[in-house]
Amino acid sequence: MAELFLVAGLGNPGAEYQQTRHNAGFMVLDELIRRHGADCKAWQNLGEYAKVCLPGKDVLFAKPLTYMNESGRMVSSLARFFKVPASHMLVCFDDVSLDMGHIRMRASGSAGGQRGMKNIIELMGTQNIARLRVGIGPKPARFDMADFVLSRFSRADMDVLTPALSKAADAVESWLANGLEKTMSRFNG
């Protein structure tokens, strides 16, 4: 029987949030879903997910549609129902402390101010959840943090971000195929 893994991408639902900085996690998941030709299904009015079968592994790609701060409701519900342990989970989200286009994978740790990740940690009851952060920074001094993360990417930003999203999707696939240590060594450099 194949092992089951869960990869969640965080963001905010609705057309008004498309292409905003806070939706970088959604954008990584969209790339993965596109690559694998997966179809999404609704999950308990909390989000949508797609199941993909890879050699020796089944993967659930999850997009919580509860707004960022309540992402854990969908992620923890899906993990409990399908009995996915925290060690088989990866969460993708934006990070203002990383420069635009950079990605960073970590095995565990605090939420680092990312409220969606904070909610997942609280509802899963552990910080031992791998995460892939996608750089959206730096924040210009003139911007309030909330205004900045909810602002849309410029064309110049997208020129930098688009290859980074592809690289982030490559990192997720590497994590699934090769594990965390090899993936961090390859993509965190």
Protein backbone atom coordinates (compact mmCIF):
# COMPACT_ATOMS: atom_id res chain seq x y z
CA MET A 1 0.00 0.00 0.00
CA ALA A 2 1.29 3.47 -0.92
CA GLU A 3 2.24 5.95 1.78
CA LEU A 4 0.03 9.04 1.95
CA PHE A 5 1.42 12.60 1.99
CA LEU A 6 -0.28 15.99 2.24
CA VAL A 7 1.00 19.19 0.63
CA ALA A 8 -0.95 22.35 1.49
CA GLY A 9 -0.63 25.74 -0.18
CA LEU A 10 -1.86 28.74 1.78
CA GLY A 11 -3.67 31.82 0.48
CA ASN A 12 -6.97 33.65 0.44
CA PRO A 13 -9.94 32.65 -1.74
CA GLY A 14 -11.71 34.90 -4.20
CA ALA A 15 -10.91 36.91 -7.29
CA GLU A 16 -9.92 39.97 -5.24
CA TYR A 17 -6.94 38.04 -3.81
CA GLN A 18 -5.69 36.39 -7.00
CA GLN A 19 -2.09 37.27 -7.83
CA THR A 20 -1.54 38.84 -4.40
CA ARG A 21 1.62 38.24 -2.40
CA HIS A 22 -0.23 36.35 0.34
CA ASN A 23 -1.33 33.78 -2.26
CA ALA A 24 2.15 32.54 -3.16
CA GLY A 25 1.35 29.20 -1.47
CA PHE A 26 -1.76 28.79 -3.64
CA MET A 27 0.34 29.59 -6.69
CA VAL A 28 2.79 26.77 -5.87
CA LEU A 29 -0.13 24.33 -5.47
CA ASP A 30 -1.67 25.53 -8.74
CA GLU A 31 1.62 24.71 -10.50
CA LEU A 32 1.74 21.22 -8.94
CA ILE A 33 -1.90 20.51 -9.79
CA ARG A 34 -1.27 21.66 -13.37
CA ARG A 35 1.86 19.51 -13.71
CA HIS A 36 0.05 16.40 -12.54
CA GLY A 37 -3.19 17.04 -14.42
CA ALA A 38 -5.14 16.64 -11.19
CA ASP A 39 -8.78 17.52 -10.62
CA CYS A 40 -9.79 19.26 -7.41
CA LYS A 41 -12.70 18.23 -5.20
CA ALA A 42 -14.38 20.19 -2.43
CA TRP A 43 -13.58 19.29 1.17
CA GLN A 44 -16.30 19.95 3.79
CA ASN A 45 -16.82 23.58 2.73
CA LEU A 46 -13.29 24.27 3.99
CA GLY A 47 -11.28 24.02 0.79
CA GLU A 48 -10.40 21.83 -2.13
CA TYR A 49 -7.94 19.04 -2.71
CA ALA A 50 -6.62 16.82 -5.45
CA LYS A 51 -5.25 13.30 -5.03
CA VAL A 52 -2.27 12.29 -7.16
CA CYS A 53 -0.70 8.83 -7.32
CA LEU A 54 3.09 8.79 -7.62
CA PRO A 55 5.37 5.74 -7.49
CA GLY A 56 4.97 4.34 -3.96
CA LYS A 57 3.16 7.45 -2.72
CA ASP A 58 -0.25 9.02 -2.84
CA VAL A 59 -0.31 12.78 -2.41
CA LEU A 60 -3.12 15.11 -1.40
CA PHE A 61 -2.64 18.64 -2.72
CA ALA A 62 -4.76 20.90 -0.48
CA LYS A 63 -5.90 24.51 -0.81
CA PRO A 64 -7.73 25.79 2.28
CA LEU A 65 -10.44 28.27 1.25
CA THR A 66 -11.11 29.49 4.78
CA TYR A 67 -8.91 32.59 4.48
CA MET A 68 -5.31 32.53 5.60
CA ASN A 69 -5.77 32.82 9.36
CA GLU A 70 -7.97 29.71 9.55
CA SER A 71 -6.01 27.47 7.17
CA GLY A 72 -5.55 24.88 9.90
CA ARG A 73 -9.25 24.02 9.92
CA MET A 74 -9.05 22.41 6.48
CA VAL A 75 -5.50 21.06 6.76
CA SER A 76 -6.07 19.38 10.14
CA SER A 77 -9.47 18.02 9.08
CA LEU A 78 -8.01 16.47 5.92
CA ALA A 79 -4.99 15.09 7.81
CA ARG A 80 -7.19 13.50 10.49
CA PHE A 81 -9.65 11.99 8.01
CA PHE A 82 -6.96 10.46 5.80
CA LYS A 83 -4.69 9.67 8.79
CA VAL A 84 -1.73 11.66 7.45
CA PRO A 85 0.91 12.11 10.18
CA ALA A 86 2.61 15.50 10.60
CA SER A 87 5.84 13.88 9.36
CA HIS A 88 4.16 13.40 5.96
CA MET A 89 2.98 17.00 5.65
CA LEU A 90 4.45 20.02 3.86
CA VAL A 91 2.95 23.53 3.94
CA CYS A 92 3.80 26.14 1.28
CA PHE A 93 3.32 29.84 2.04
CA ASP A 94 4.61 33.35 1.43
CA ASP A 95 7.39 34.89 3.51
CA VAL A 96 8.08 38.62 3.56
CA SER A 97 11.46 38.10 5.25
CA LEU A 98 12.79 36.28 2.16
CA ASP A 99 13.62 38.28 -0.95
CA MET A 100 11.34 37.90 -3.94
CA GLY A 101 12.10 34.72 -5.81
CA HIS A 102 13.96 32.93 -3.03
CA ILE A 103 12.60 29.75 -1.47
CA ARG A 104 13.51 28.05 1.80
CA MET A 105 12.48 24.67 3.19
CA ARG A 106 12.57 23.81 6.88
CA ALA A 107 11.74 20.68 8.84
CA SER A 108 9.92 22.39 11.70
CA GLY A 109 9.82 25.48 13.88
CA SER A 110 7.56 28.31 14.87
CA ALA A 111 5.15 29.99 12.49
CA GLY A 112 7.47 32.99 12.24
CA GLY A 113 4.53 35.40 12.21
CA GLN A 114 2.70 33.56 9.40
CA ARG A 115 -0.84 33.26 10.76
CA GLY A 116 -1.95 30.45 8.46
CA MET A 117 1.00 28.31 9.57
CA LYS A 118 0.34 29.32 13.17
CA ASN A 119 -3.24 28.04 12.90
CA ILE A 120 -2.04 24.75 11.37
CA ILE A 121 0.51 24.27 14.18
CA GLU A 122 -2.16 24.97 16.82
CA LEU A 123 -4.74 22.58 15.35
CA MET A 124 -2.23 19.83 14.52
CA GLY A 125 -0.66 20.17 17.98
CA THR A 126 2.94 20.18 16.71
CA GLN A 127 5.58 22.43 15.16
CA ASN A 128 7.12 19.37 13.49
CA ILE A 129 5.59 20.07 10.10
CA ALA A 130 7.83 20.75 7.11
CA ARG A 131 7.31 24.06 5.38
CA LEU A 132 8.35 25.66 2.12
CA ARG A 133 8.51 29.44 2.27
CA VAL A 134 8.33 31.50 -0.92
CA GLY A 135 9.97 34.91 -0.73
CA ILE A 136 7.77 37.92 -1.45
CA GLY A 137 9.96 40.60 0.18
CA PRO A 138 11.37 42.90 1.05
CA LYS A 139 8.48 45.05 2.23
CA PRO A 140 8.98 48.71 1.29
CA ALA A 141 9.07 50.99 4.35
CA ARG A 142 6.04 52.97 3.13
CA PHE A 143 3.76 49.90 3.25
CA ASP A 144 1.77 48.60 6.17
CA MET A 145 2.39 44.83 6.44
CA ALA A 146 -1.25 43.85 5.79
CA ASP A 147 -1.45 46.17 2.79
CA PHE A 148 1.81 44.79 1.42
CA VAL A 149 0.93 41.08 1.63
CA LEU A 150 -2.49 41.76 0.10
CA SER A 151 -1.04 43.81 -2.77
CA ARG A 152 -0.79 42.36 -6.25
CA PHE A 153 2.48 41.38 -7.86
CA SER A 154 3.77 43.82 -10.47
CA ARG A 155 4.90 42.59 -13.90
CA ALA A 156 8.52 42.94 -12.75
CA ASP A 157 7.71 40.90 -9.62
CA MET A 158 6.14 38.18 -11.76
CA ASP A 159 9.27 38.02 -13.92
CA VAL A 160 11.16 37.02 -10.75
CA LEU A 161 8.38 35.03 -9.08
CA THR A 162 7.36 32.79 -12.01
CA PRO A 163 10.64 30.84 -12.12
CA ALA A 164 10.64 30.73 -8.30
CA LEU A 165 7.19 29.11 -8.30
CA SER A 166 8.46 26.48 -10.73
CA LYS A 167 11.50 25.94 -8.50
CA ALA A 168 9.21 25.67 -5.45
CA ALA A 169 7.11 23.01 -7.22
CA ASP A 170 10.37 21.20 -8.08
CA ALA A 171 11.29 21.34 -4.37
CA VAL A 172 7.94 19.81 -3.37
CA GLU A 173 8.46 17.00 -5.88
CA SER A 174 12.00 16.50 -4.58
CA TRP A 175 10.69 16.31 -0.99
CA LEU A 176 8.24 13.62 -2.07
CA ALA A 177 10.87 11.65 -4.02
CA ASN A 178 14.06 12.19 -2.00
CA GLY A 179 13.06 13.36 1.48
CA LEU A 180 13.64 16.54 3.44
CA GLU A 181 17.41 16.53 3.99
CA LYS A 182 18.35 16.04 0.32
CA THR A 183 15.76 18.60 -0.73
CA MET A 184 16.96 21.24 1.75
CA SER A 185 20.55 20.64 0.64
CA ARG A 186 19.59 21.09 -3.02
CA PHE A 187 17.13 24.01 -2.81
CA ASN A 188 18.16 26.07 0.24
CA GLY A 189 21.57 27.02 -1.20
